[in-house]
Amino acid sequence: VEVIADSDILVLPQTADSLEEAIAEGGSVTIIRRWGKAKIKKMIRDKLIRKDEGDALINAMQKKSPPENVNADKKMVDAAGIKGEGKKHALVYQTFKMLDVPGHEEQRLCEVYFGGEKQILGCHLNPLWCDKLPLLSVPVEKVGGAFKGRSKIEPCADLQYAANDAVNEAWDSAAYALMPIVMTDPEK
C-alpha cells in the first residue's frame, strides 16, 4: 500500500463519480510515477516495459545537464519527462484504460506506461486477478458532478497565506534590523 498525492492522479472524464465509472465511460485513470534507473531496470526485467524504450529512457537520464546559458537540451530532456537536480528521475505515466485485446471478445482493463507524449514504454492486461483498478480514491467532501472533492482548508487558505506572508515579512525586517553596521563614515 502506498499513499499517492492527489495532484499525481488524473481521472478522465473528470465528471465521473467514481474510478470505475470513469473507466466504464471510456475514460482513463492515470498516476504519475517518478522512477530512477534502478526502477526502470526492474520494470524491464519484469517485462512490464519494453527493453528498447526502457533503455532509451535510461540513456536520456544519463545525459549531462547543459550549461546554464543553453536551455535547448534541457527543454528536450524536460519534454521527455526527466526531472531533477543531482539524482535524476523520469516521470512515467501509469494509465489504466479499457482496450480491445486480441483473443478477447470484449474490452479488457489494460495498464499502459507512457514515458512522454509519444513514448509508449509498455502495455499489458491488468495484472490483478480481479480485473479491477489497484487504486482507492474517495474525496473527504464530495462535490456533485465531479470526481474530486472540496478541500477542508479551502475556506481559510487565503487567511493562512496572508498570515504566513506577514510572519515572513516580520522575520525579514527583524533580521535586517539586527544586522551589524559594516561600513561607517568616521568623519560623521
N, C-alpha and C. Protein backbone atom coordinates (compact mmCIF):
# COMPACT_ATOMS: atom_id res chain seq x y z
N VAL A 1 0.85 -1.18 0.00
CA VAL A 1 0.00 0.00 0.00
C VAL A 1 0.89 1.23 0.00
N GLU A 2 0.55 2.18 -0.82
CA GLU A 2 1.26 3.46 -0.83
C GLU A 2 0.25 4.60 -0.90
N VAL A 3 0.60 5.72 -0.30
CA VAL A 3 -0.25 6.90 -0.35
C VAL A 3 0.27 7.78 -1.48
N ILE A 4 -0.62 8.16 -2.38
CA ILE A 4 -0.25 8.96 -3.55
C ILE A 4 -0.89 10.33 -3.41
N ALA A 5 -0.13 11.35 -3.70
CA ALA A 5 -0.65 12.72 -3.64
C ALA A 5 -1.81 12.87 -4.63
N ASP A 6 -2.81 13.60 -4.23
CA ASP A 6 -3.99 13.81 -5.08
C ASP A 6 -3.61 14.47 -6.39
N SER A 7 -2.61 15.32 -6.37
CA SER A 7 -2.20 16.02 -7.60
C SER A 7 -1.50 15.07 -8.58
N ASP A 8 -1.13 13.87 -8.15
CA ASP A 8 -0.48 12.90 -9.03
C ASP A 8 -1.47 11.94 -9.68
N ILE A 9 -2.75 12.19 -9.52
CA ILE A 9 -3.78 11.31 -10.09
C ILE A 9 -4.69 12.13 -10.99
N LEU A 10 -4.92 11.60 -12.20
CA LEU A 10 -5.83 12.24 -13.15
C LEU A 10 -6.92 11.25 -13.52
N VAL A 11 -8.15 11.67 -13.35
CA VAL A 11 -9.30 10.84 -13.71
C VAL A 11 -10.03 11.53 -14.86
N LEU A 12 -10.21 10.80 -15.96
CA LEU A 12 -10.94 11.33 -17.11
C LEU A 12 -12.10 10.41 -17.44
N PRO A 13 -13.29 10.86 -17.63
CA PRO A 13 -13.72 12.24 -17.52
C PRO A 13 -13.77 12.69 -16.06
N GLN A 14 -13.52 13.95 -15.86
CA GLN A 14 -13.48 14.49 -14.50
C GLN A 14 -14.86 14.59 -13.87
N THR A 15 -15.90 14.39 -14.66
CA THR A 15 -17.27 14.44 -14.13
C THR A 15 -17.75 13.09 -13.62
N ALA A 16 -16.93 12.06 -13.72
CA ALA A 16 -17.32 10.73 -13.23
C ALA A 16 -17.40 10.74 -11.71
N ASP A 17 -18.33 9.95 -11.17
CA ASP A 17 -18.49 9.89 -9.72
C ASP A 17 -17.50 8.93 -9.06
N SER A 18 -16.94 8.00 -9.81
CA SER A 18 -16.01 7.04 -9.23
C SER A 18 -14.98 6.63 -10.29
N LEU A 19 -13.94 5.96 -9.85
CA LEU A 19 -12.93 5.48 -10.78
C LEU A 19 -13.52 4.46 -11.75
N GLU A 20 -14.35 3.57 -11.22
CA GLU A 20 -14.97 2.54 -12.05
C GLU A 20 -15.88 3.15 -13.10
N GLU A 21 -16.61 4.20 -12.73
CA GLU A 21 -17.49 4.86 -13.69
C GLU A 21 -16.67 5.54 -14.79
N ALA A 22 -15.55 6.13 -14.43
CA ALA A 22 -14.69 6.78 -15.43
C ALA A 22 -14.20 5.76 -16.44
N ILE A 23 -13.75 4.60 -15.97
CA ILE A 23 -13.27 3.54 -16.87
C ILE A 23 -14.42 3.01 -17.73
N ALA A 24 -15.58 2.80 -17.13
CA ALA A 24 -16.74 2.27 -17.86
C ALA A 24 -17.22 3.23 -18.95
N GLU A 25 -17.05 4.53 -18.75
CA GLU A 25 -17.47 5.53 -19.72
C GLU A 25 -16.45 5.73 -20.84
N GLY A 26 -15.40 4.92 -20.87
CA GLY A 26 -14.38 5.05 -21.91
C GLY A 26 -13.25 5.97 -21.52
N GLY A 27 -13.24 6.38 -20.27
CA GLY A 27 -12.19 7.28 -19.79
C GLY A 27 -10.96 6.51 -19.32
N SER A 28 -10.15 7.17 -18.53
CA SER A 28 -8.92 6.55 -18.05
C SER A 28 -8.57 7.09 -16.67
N VAL A 29 -7.68 6.37 -16.00
CA VAL A 29 -7.14 6.79 -14.72
C VAL A 29 -5.62 6.76 -14.86
N THR A 30 -4.97 7.89 -14.58
CA THR A 30 -3.52 7.99 -14.75
C THR A 30 -2.87 8.39 -13.43
N ILE A 31 -1.75 7.73 -13.13
CA ILE A 31 -0.96 8.03 -11.94
C ILE A 31 0.44 8.42 -12.41
N ILE A 32 0.96 9.52 -11.91
CA ILE A 32 2.33 9.93 -12.25
C ILE A 32 3.28 9.17 -11.33
N ARG A 33 4.26 8.53 -11.93
CA ARG A 33 5.29 7.79 -11.20
C ARG A 33 6.63 8.48 -11.43
N ARG A 34 7.48 8.46 -10.43
CA ARG A 34 8.83 9.02 -10.53
C ARG A 34 9.81 7.87 -10.35
N TRP A 35 10.43 7.48 -11.46
CA TRP A 35 11.31 6.31 -11.45
C TRP A 35 12.75 6.71 -11.66
N GLY A 36 13.63 6.07 -10.89
CA GLY A 36 15.07 6.18 -11.11
C GLY A 36 15.52 5.07 -12.03
N LYS A 37 16.82 5.01 -12.29
CA LYS A 37 17.36 3.99 -13.19
C LYS A 37 17.10 2.57 -12.68
N ALA A 38 17.24 2.37 -11.37
CA ALA A 38 17.04 1.03 -10.79
C ALA A 38 15.60 0.54 -11.01
N LYS A 39 14.64 1.41 -10.82
CA LYS A 39 13.23 1.04 -11.01
C LYS A 39 12.96 0.71 -12.47
N ILE A 40 13.53 1.50 -13.38
CA ILE A 40 13.33 1.25 -14.81
C ILE A 40 13.91 -0.12 -15.18
N LYS A 41 15.12 -0.41 -14.68
CA LYS A 41 15.73 -1.71 -14.96
C LYS A 41 14.90 -2.86 -14.40
N LYS A 42 14.31 -2.67 -13.22
CA LYS A 42 13.45 -3.71 -12.62
C LYS A 42 12.20 -3.92 -13.47
N MET A 43 11.62 -2.84 -13.97
CA MET A 43 10.43 -2.95 -14.81
C MET A 43 10.76 -3.66 -16.13
N ILE A 44 11.97 -3.45 -16.65
CA ILE A 44 12.39 -4.15 -17.86
C ILE A 44 12.53 -5.64 -17.56
N ARG A 45 13.18 -5.97 -16.43
CA ARG A 45 13.36 -7.38 -16.05
C ARG A 45 12.02 -8.08 -15.84
N ASP A 46 11.06 -7.36 -15.25
CA ASP A 46 9.73 -7.93 -15.00
C ASP A 46 8.86 -7.94 -16.26
N LYS A 47 9.41 -7.46 -17.38
CA LYS A 47 8.73 -7.41 -18.67
C LYS A 47 7.45 -6.56 -18.64
N LEU A 48 7.45 -5.53 -17.82
CA LEU A 48 6.32 -4.62 -17.76
C LEU A 48 6.51 -3.44 -18.71
N ILE A 49 7.77 -3.14 -19.04
CA ILE A 49 8.04 -2.15 -20.07
C ILE A 49 9.01 -2.76 -21.08
N ARG A 50 8.97 -2.24 -22.30
CA ARG A 50 9.82 -2.77 -23.37
C ARG A 50 11.28 -2.41 -23.12
N LYS A 51 12.17 -3.33 -23.45
CA LYS A 51 13.60 -3.12 -23.23
C LYS A 51 14.13 -1.95 -24.02
N ASP A 52 13.76 -1.85 -25.30
CA ASP A 52 14.29 -0.76 -26.13
C ASP A 52 13.86 0.61 -25.61
N GLU A 53 12.60 0.73 -25.21
CA GLU A 53 12.10 2.02 -24.70
C GLU A 53 12.67 2.32 -23.32
N GLY A 54 12.80 1.29 -22.48
CA GLY A 54 13.38 1.48 -21.15
C GLY A 54 14.83 1.91 -21.25
N ASP A 55 15.59 1.28 -22.15
CA ASP A 55 16.99 1.66 -22.34
C ASP A 55 17.10 3.09 -22.88
N ALA A 56 16.20 3.47 -23.76
CA ALA A 56 16.21 4.84 -24.30
C ALA A 56 15.94 5.85 -23.18
N LEU A 57 15.04 5.50 -22.27
CA LEU A 57 14.74 6.38 -21.14
C LEU A 57 15.95 6.51 -20.22
N ILE A 58 16.62 5.39 -19.95
CA ILE A 58 17.83 5.41 -19.10
C ILE A 58 18.93 6.23 -19.77
N ASN A 59 19.13 6.06 -21.08
CA ASN A 59 20.15 6.83 -21.80
C ASN A 59 19.85 8.32 -21.74
N ALA A 60 18.59 8.69 -21.85
CA ALA A 60 18.22 10.10 -21.76
C ALA A 60 18.49 10.65 -20.37
N MET A 61 18.34 9.81 -19.35
CA MET A 61 18.60 10.25 -17.98
C MET A 61 20.10 10.42 -17.73
N GLN A 62 20.94 9.71 -18.45
CA GLN A 62 22.38 9.77 -18.22
C GLN A 62 23.05 10.96 -18.87
N LYS A 63 22.33 11.66 -19.73
CA LYS A 63 22.92 12.83 -20.37
C LYS A 63 23.25 13.88 -19.31
N LYS A 64 24.38 14.54 -19.50
CA LYS A 64 24.80 15.57 -18.55
C LYS A 64 23.91 16.79 -18.71
N SER A 65 23.72 17.49 -17.59
CA SER A 65 22.93 18.71 -17.62
C SER A 65 23.64 19.76 -18.45
N PRO A 66 22.90 20.52 -19.23
CA PRO A 66 23.53 21.55 -20.06
C PRO A 66 23.98 22.74 -19.21
N PRO A 67 24.88 23.57 -19.74
CA PRO A 67 25.27 24.79 -19.02
C PRO A 67 24.05 25.69 -18.83
N GLU A 68 24.15 26.59 -17.89
CA GLU A 68 23.02 27.47 -17.54
C GLU A 68 22.56 28.34 -18.71
N ASN A 69 23.48 28.75 -19.57
CA ASN A 69 23.09 29.65 -20.65
C ASN A 69 22.51 28.93 -21.87
N VAL A 70 22.55 27.60 -21.90
CA VAL A 70 21.98 26.85 -23.02
C VAL A 70 20.80 26.04 -22.49
N ASN A 71 19.62 26.34 -22.99
CA ASN A 71 18.42 25.68 -22.49
C ASN A 71 17.80 24.70 -23.49
N ALA A 72 18.33 24.60 -24.69
CA ALA A 72 17.72 23.74 -25.71
C ALA A 72 17.73 22.27 -25.28
N ASP A 73 18.88 21.77 -24.83
CA ASP A 73 18.94 20.37 -24.39
C ASP A 73 18.09 20.14 -23.15
N LYS A 74 18.10 21.11 -22.24
CA LYS A 74 17.31 20.98 -21.01
C LYS A 74 15.82 20.88 -21.34
N LYS A 75 15.39 21.67 -22.30
CA LYS A 75 13.99 21.62 -22.70
C LYS A 75 13.64 20.27 -23.32
N MET A 76 14.56 19.72 -24.11
CA MET A 76 14.31 18.42 -24.73
C MET A 76 14.26 17.32 -23.67
N VAL A 77 15.14 17.38 -22.68
CA VAL A 77 15.15 16.40 -21.60
C VAL A 77 13.88 16.55 -20.77
N ASP A 78 13.47 17.80 -20.49
CA ASP A 78 12.23 18.03 -19.75
C ASP A 78 11.03 17.49 -20.51
N ALA A 79 11.03 17.64 -21.83
CA ALA A 79 9.92 17.14 -22.65
C ALA A 79 9.83 15.62 -22.57
N ALA A 80 10.97 14.96 -22.36
CA ALA A 80 10.97 13.50 -22.22
C ALA A 80 10.51 13.07 -20.83
N GLY A 81 10.28 14.04 -19.93
CA GLY A 81 9.79 13.71 -18.60
C GLY A 81 10.89 13.49 -17.59
N ILE A 82 12.12 13.87 -17.89
CA ILE A 82 13.23 13.65 -16.96
C ILE A 82 13.42 14.93 -16.15
N LYS A 83 13.31 14.80 -14.85
CA LYS A 83 13.37 15.95 -13.96
C LYS A 83 14.43 15.72 -12.90
N GLY A 84 14.76 16.79 -12.19
CA GLY A 84 15.59 16.63 -11.01
C GLY A 84 16.98 17.19 -11.14
N GLU A 85 17.52 17.64 -10.05
CA GLU A 85 18.90 18.09 -9.95
C GLU A 85 19.65 17.01 -9.20
N GLY A 86 20.82 16.66 -9.66
CA GLY A 86 21.60 15.63 -8.99
C GLY A 86 21.03 14.26 -9.30
N LYS A 87 20.19 13.76 -8.43
CA LYS A 87 19.58 12.45 -8.64
C LYS A 87 18.41 12.62 -9.61
N LYS A 88 18.60 12.11 -10.81
CA LYS A 88 17.57 12.28 -11.84
C LYS A 88 16.52 11.19 -11.72
N HIS A 89 15.33 11.54 -12.14
CA HIS A 89 14.25 10.57 -12.22
C HIS A 89 13.41 10.89 -13.45
N ALA A 90 12.73 9.89 -13.93
CA ALA A 90 11.87 10.06 -15.10
C ALA A 90 10.42 10.09 -14.64
N LEU A 91 9.64 10.97 -15.23
CA LEU A 91 8.20 10.98 -14.97
C LEU A 91 7.57 9.97 -15.91
N VAL A 92 6.97 8.95 -15.33
CA VAL A 92 6.30 7.91 -16.10
C VAL A 92 4.82 7.97 -15.76
N TYR A 93 3.99 7.89 -16.77
CA TYR A 93 2.54 7.96 -16.58
C TYR A 93 1.96 6.56 -16.67
N GLN A 94 1.45 6.07 -15.56
CA GLN A 94 0.82 4.74 -15.50
C GLN A 94 -0.68 4.95 -15.71
N THR A 95 -1.18 4.48 -16.84
CA THR A 95 -2.57 4.73 -17.21
C THR A 95 -3.35 3.42 -17.29
N PHE A 96 -4.55 3.43 -16.75
CA PHE A 96 -5.45 2.29 -16.83
C PHE A 96 -6.62 2.67 -17.73
N LYS A 97 -6.93 1.80 -18.70
CA LYS A 97 -7.98 2.09 -19.67
C LYS A 97 -8.51 0.78 -20.24
N MET A 98 -9.77 0.78 -20.63
CA MET A 98 -10.36 -0.38 -21.30
C MET A 98 -9.92 -0.34 -22.77
N LEU A 99 -9.32 -1.46 -23.24
CA LEU A 99 -8.84 -1.53 -24.62
C LEU A 99 -9.27 -2.84 -25.27
N ASP A 100 -9.32 -2.85 -26.61
CA ASP A 100 -9.57 -4.08 -27.35
C ASP A 100 -8.30 -4.91 -27.32
N VAL A 101 -8.43 -6.17 -26.90
CA VAL A 101 -7.29 -7.07 -26.81
C VAL A 101 -7.52 -8.25 -27.73
N PRO A 102 -6.57 -8.57 -28.61
CA PRO A 102 -6.74 -9.73 -29.49
C PRO A 102 -6.98 -11.00 -28.67
N GLY A 103 -7.93 -11.81 -29.13
CA GLY A 103 -8.24 -13.05 -28.44
C GLY A 103 -9.34 -12.92 -27.39
N HIS A 104 -9.83 -11.70 -27.17
CA HIS A 104 -10.92 -11.46 -26.20
C HIS A 104 -12.07 -10.79 -26.93
N GLU A 105 -13.28 -11.24 -26.63
CA GLU A 105 -14.46 -10.70 -27.31
C GLU A 105 -14.79 -9.29 -26.86
N GLU A 106 -14.58 -9.00 -25.59
CA GLU A 106 -14.92 -7.68 -25.07
C GLU A 106 -13.66 -6.95 -24.62
N GLN A 107 -13.80 -5.66 -24.39
CA GLN A 107 -12.66 -4.87 -23.96
C GLN A 107 -12.21 -5.31 -22.57
N ARG A 108 -10.91 -5.19 -22.33
CA ARG A 108 -10.33 -5.57 -21.04
C ARG A 108 -9.58 -4.37 -20.45
N LEU A 109 -9.48 -4.35 -19.14
CA LEU A 109 -8.74 -3.30 -18.47
C LEU A 109 -7.24 -3.53 -18.68
N CYS A 110 -6.56 -2.53 -19.23
CA CYS A 110 -5.13 -2.65 -19.52
C CYS A 110 -4.37 -1.57 -18.77
N GLU A 111 -3.11 -1.86 -18.53
CA GLU A 111 -2.19 -0.93 -17.87
C GLU A 111 -1.16 -0.51 -18.90
N VAL A 112 -1.04 0.80 -19.11
CA VAL A 112 -0.13 1.35 -20.11
C VAL A 112 0.84 2.29 -19.41
N TYR A 113 2.12 2.20 -19.78
CA TYR A 113 3.13 3.09 -19.24
C TYR A 113 3.61 4.01 -20.35
N PHE A 114 3.53 5.33 -20.10
CA PHE A 114 3.99 6.33 -21.05
C PHE A 114 5.22 7.03 -20.48
N GLY A 115 6.23 7.25 -21.31
CA GLY A 115 7.42 7.97 -20.90
C GLY A 115 7.40 9.40 -21.40
N GLY A 116 6.39 9.76 -22.11
CA GLY A 116 6.23 11.09 -22.68
C GLY A 116 5.04 11.06 -23.61
N GLU A 117 4.84 12.13 -24.32
CA GLU A 117 3.66 12.24 -25.18
C GLU A 117 3.62 11.17 -26.26
N LYS A 118 4.78 10.82 -26.81
CA LYS A 118 4.81 9.86 -27.92
C LYS A 118 5.65 8.63 -27.59
N GLN A 119 5.97 8.41 -26.33
CA GLN A 119 6.82 7.27 -25.96
C GLN A 119 6.01 6.28 -25.11
N ILE A 120 5.60 5.18 -25.73
CA ILE A 120 4.87 4.13 -25.02
C ILE A 120 5.90 3.12 -24.52
N LEU A 121 6.03 3.04 -23.21
CA LEU A 121 7.02 2.14 -22.62
C LEU A 121 6.53 0.70 -22.60
N GLY A 122 5.24 0.51 -22.39
CA GLY A 122 4.70 -0.84 -22.34
C GLY A 122 3.20 -0.83 -22.16
N CYS A 123 2.57 -1.93 -22.53
CA CYS A 123 1.12 -2.07 -22.40
C CYS A 123 0.83 -3.55 -22.17
N HIS A 124 0.00 -3.85 -21.17
CA HIS A 124 -0.37 -5.23 -20.90
C HIS A 124 -1.70 -5.27 -20.15
N LEU A 125 -2.28 -6.45 -20.07
CA LEU A 125 -3.51 -6.62 -19.32
C LEU A 125 -3.29 -6.25 -17.86
N ASN A 126 -4.35 -5.82 -17.21
CA ASN A 126 -4.29 -5.50 -15.79
C ASN A 126 -3.73 -6.71 -15.04
N PRO A 127 -2.68 -6.54 -14.25
CA PRO A 127 -2.05 -7.68 -13.58
C PRO A 127 -2.87 -8.28 -12.44
N LEU A 128 -3.90 -7.59 -11.97
CA LEU A 128 -4.69 -8.11 -10.86
C LEU A 128 -5.68 -9.15 -11.34
N TRP A 129 -5.83 -10.23 -10.60
CA TRP A 129 -6.73 -11.32 -11.00
C TRP A 129 -8.19 -10.88 -11.01
N CYS A 130 -8.55 -9.88 -10.17
CA CYS A 130 -9.94 -9.42 -10.09
C CYS A 130 -10.31 -8.47 -11.22
N ASP A 131 -9.32 -8.04 -12.02
CA ASP A 131 -9.52 -7.12 -13.15
C ASP A 131 -10.13 -5.79 -12.71
N LYS A 132 -9.72 -5.32 -11.52
CA LYS A 132 -10.16 -4.02 -11.02
C LYS A 132 -8.96 -3.10 -10.89
N LEU A 133 -9.24 -1.83 -10.74
CA LEU A 133 -8.17 -0.84 -10.59
C LEU A 133 -7.44 -1.04 -9.26
N PRO A 134 -6.12 -0.93 -9.25
CA PRO A 134 -5.38 -1.04 -7.99
C PRO A 134 -5.27 0.31 -7.28
N LEU A 135 -6.36 1.05 -7.25
CA LEU A 135 -6.35 2.39 -6.68
C LEU A 135 -7.66 2.64 -5.95
N LEU A 136 -7.56 3.13 -4.74
CA LEU A 136 -8.74 3.53 -3.97
C LEU A 136 -8.66 5.04 -3.78
N SER A 137 -9.71 5.74 -4.13
CA SER A 137 -9.71 7.19 -4.01
C SER A 137 -11.13 7.65 -3.73
N VAL A 138 -11.29 8.31 -2.59
CA VAL A 138 -12.60 8.83 -2.20
C VAL A 138 -12.40 10.22 -1.62
N PRO A 139 -13.11 11.22 -2.11
CA PRO A 139 -12.94 12.57 -1.56
C PRO A 139 -13.54 12.67 -0.17
N VAL A 140 -12.97 13.55 0.66
CA VAL A 140 -13.48 13.76 2.01
C VAL A 140 -14.84 14.43 1.93
N GLU A 141 -14.95 15.43 1.08
CA GLU A 141 -16.21 16.16 0.92
C GLU A 141 -16.57 16.17 -0.56
N LYS A 142 -17.49 15.32 -0.96
CA LYS A 142 -17.86 15.12 -2.36
C LYS A 142 -18.53 16.36 -2.95
N VAL A 143 -18.16 16.67 -4.18
CA VAL A 143 -18.79 17.75 -4.94
C VAL A 143 -19.59 17.10 -6.05
N GLY A 144 -20.85 17.45 -6.19
CA GLY A 144 -21.68 16.87 -7.22
C GLY A 144 -21.16 17.16 -8.62
N GLY A 145 -21.15 16.14 -9.48
CA GLY A 145 -20.75 16.32 -10.86
C GLY A 145 -19.25 16.32 -11.10
N ALA A 146 -18.47 15.93 -10.08
CA ALA A 146 -17.01 15.88 -10.24
C ALA A 146 -16.45 14.74 -9.41
N PHE A 147 -15.34 14.18 -9.87
CA PHE A 147 -14.73 13.08 -9.15
C PHE A 147 -14.05 13.55 -7.86
N LYS A 148 -13.32 14.64 -7.96
CA LYS A 148 -12.58 15.13 -6.79
C LYS A 148 -13.48 16.00 -5.93
N GLY A 149 -13.14 16.09 -4.67
CA GLY A 149 -13.96 16.84 -3.72
C GLY A 149 -13.37 18.18 -3.37
N ARG A 150 -13.98 18.80 -2.38
CA ARG A 150 -13.57 20.12 -1.92
C ARG A 150 -12.59 19.96 -0.76
N SER A 151 -11.55 20.77 -0.77
CA SER A 151 -10.55 20.73 0.29
C SER A 151 -11.13 21.26 1.59
N LYS A 152 -10.75 20.65 2.71
CA LYS A 152 -11.22 21.11 4.02
C LYS A 152 -10.59 22.44 4.42
N ILE A 153 -9.44 22.77 3.86
CA ILE A 153 -8.77 24.02 4.24
C ILE A 153 -9.06 25.17 3.29
N GLU A 154 -9.85 24.92 2.24
CA GLU A 154 -10.13 25.97 1.26
C GLU A 154 -10.73 27.23 1.89
N PRO A 155 -11.68 27.15 2.83
CA PRO A 155 -12.26 28.38 3.38
C PRO A 155 -11.25 29.27 4.09
N CYS A 156 -10.20 28.70 4.67
CA CYS A 156 -9.25 29.52 5.41
C CYS A 156 -7.89 29.63 4.72
N ALA A 157 -7.78 29.17 3.48
CA ALA A 157 -6.49 29.18 2.77
C ALA A 157 -5.96 30.60 2.59
N ASP A 158 -6.80 31.55 2.17
CA ASP A 158 -6.34 32.92 1.96
C ASP A 158 -5.83 33.53 3.27
N LEU A 159 -6.53 33.26 4.37
CA LEU A 159 -6.10 33.77 5.67
C LEU A 159 -4.74 33.18 6.07
N GLN A 160 -4.57 31.89 5.81
CA GLN A 160 -3.30 31.23 6.12
C GLN A 160 -2.16 31.80 5.28
N TYR A 161 -2.41 32.04 3.99
CA TYR A 161 -1.38 32.62 3.13
C TYR A 161 -0.99 34.02 3.63
N ALA A 162 -2.00 34.83 4.00
CA ALA A 162 -1.73 36.18 4.49
C ALA A 162 -0.94 36.14 5.79
N ALA A 163 -1.30 35.23 6.70
CA ALA A 163 -0.58 35.11 7.97
C ALA A 163 0.86 34.67 7.73
N ASN A 164 1.06 33.74 6.83
CA ASN A 164 2.40 33.27 6.51
C ASN A 164 3.24 34.40 5.92
N ASP A 165 2.66 35.18 5.00
CA ASP A 165 3.38 36.31 4.41
C ASP A 165 3.75 37.34 5.47
N ALA A 166 2.82 37.63 6.40
CA ALA A 166 3.08 38.61 7.46
C ALA A 166 4.23 38.15 8.35
N VAL A 167 4.24 36.89 8.73
CA VAL A 167 5.32 36.36 9.57
C VAL A 167 6.65 36.41 8.83
N ASN A 168 6.67 36.04 7.55
CA ASN A 168 7.91 36.09 6.78
C ASN A 168 8.44 37.52 6.65
N GLU A 169 7.55 38.48 6.43
CA GLU A 169 7.99 39.87 6.34
C GLU A 169 8.52 40.36 7.68
N ALA A 170 7.90 39.94 8.77
CA ALA A 170 8.36 40.34 10.11
C ALA A 170 9.76 39.78 10.38
N TRP A 171 9.98 38.53 10.02
CA TRP A 171 11.31 37.94 10.23
C TRP A 171 12.36 38.60 9.35
N ASP A 172 11.99 38.96 8.12
CA ASP A 172 12.93 39.67 7.25
C ASP A 172 13.29 41.03 7.86
N SER A 173 12.30 41.75 8.38
CA SER A 173 12.55 43.05 9.00
C SER A 173 13.42 42.89 10.24
N ALA A 174 13.12 41.89 11.06
CA ALA A 174 13.91 41.66 12.28
C ALA A 174 15.35 41.33 11.94
N ALA A 175 15.56 40.49 10.95
CA ALA A 175 16.92 40.13 10.56
C ALA A 175 17.66 41.35 10.02
N TYR A 176 16.98 42.19 9.27
CA TYR A 176 17.61 43.40 8.72
C TYR A 176 17.94 44.37 9.83
N ALA A 177 17.06 44.52 10.81
CA ALA A 177 17.27 45.45 11.92
C ALA A 177 18.43 45.01 12.80
N LEU A 178 18.67 43.72 12.89
CA LEU A 178 19.73 43.21 13.76
C LEU A 178 21.08 43.10 13.08
N MET A 179 21.15 43.45 11.79
CA MET A 179 22.42 43.36 11.08
C MET A 179 23.42 44.36 11.65
N PRO A 180 24.67 43.92 11.84
CA PRO A 180 25.67 44.87 12.34
C PRO A 180 26.04 45.88 11.26
N ILE A 181 26.48 47.02 11.70
CA ILE A 181 26.92 48.05 10.76
C ILE A 181 28.29 47.63 10.26
N VAL A 182 28.43 47.50 8.97
CA VAL A 182 29.70 47.02 8.42
C VAL A 182 30.53 48.15 7.82
N MET A 183 29.92 49.28 7.53
CA MET A 183 30.67 50.41 7.00
C MET A 183 30.16 51.69 7.65
N THR A 184 31.08 52.52 8.08
CA THR A 184 30.70 53.80 8.65
C THR A 184 31.61 54.88 8.08
N ASP A 185 31.15 56.07 8.18
CA ASP A 185 31.98 57.22 7.78
C ASP A 185 32.52 57.83 9.07
N PRO A 186 33.82 57.69 9.36
CA PRO A 186 34.36 58.16 10.64
C PRO A 186 34.24 59.66 10.85
N GLU A 187 34.14 60.44 9.79
CA GLU A 187 34.03 61.91 9.95
C GLU A 187 32.64 62.32 10.39
N LYS A 188 31.62 61.45 10.23
CA LYS A 188 30.26 61.82 10.64
C LYS A 188 30.05 61.33 12.05
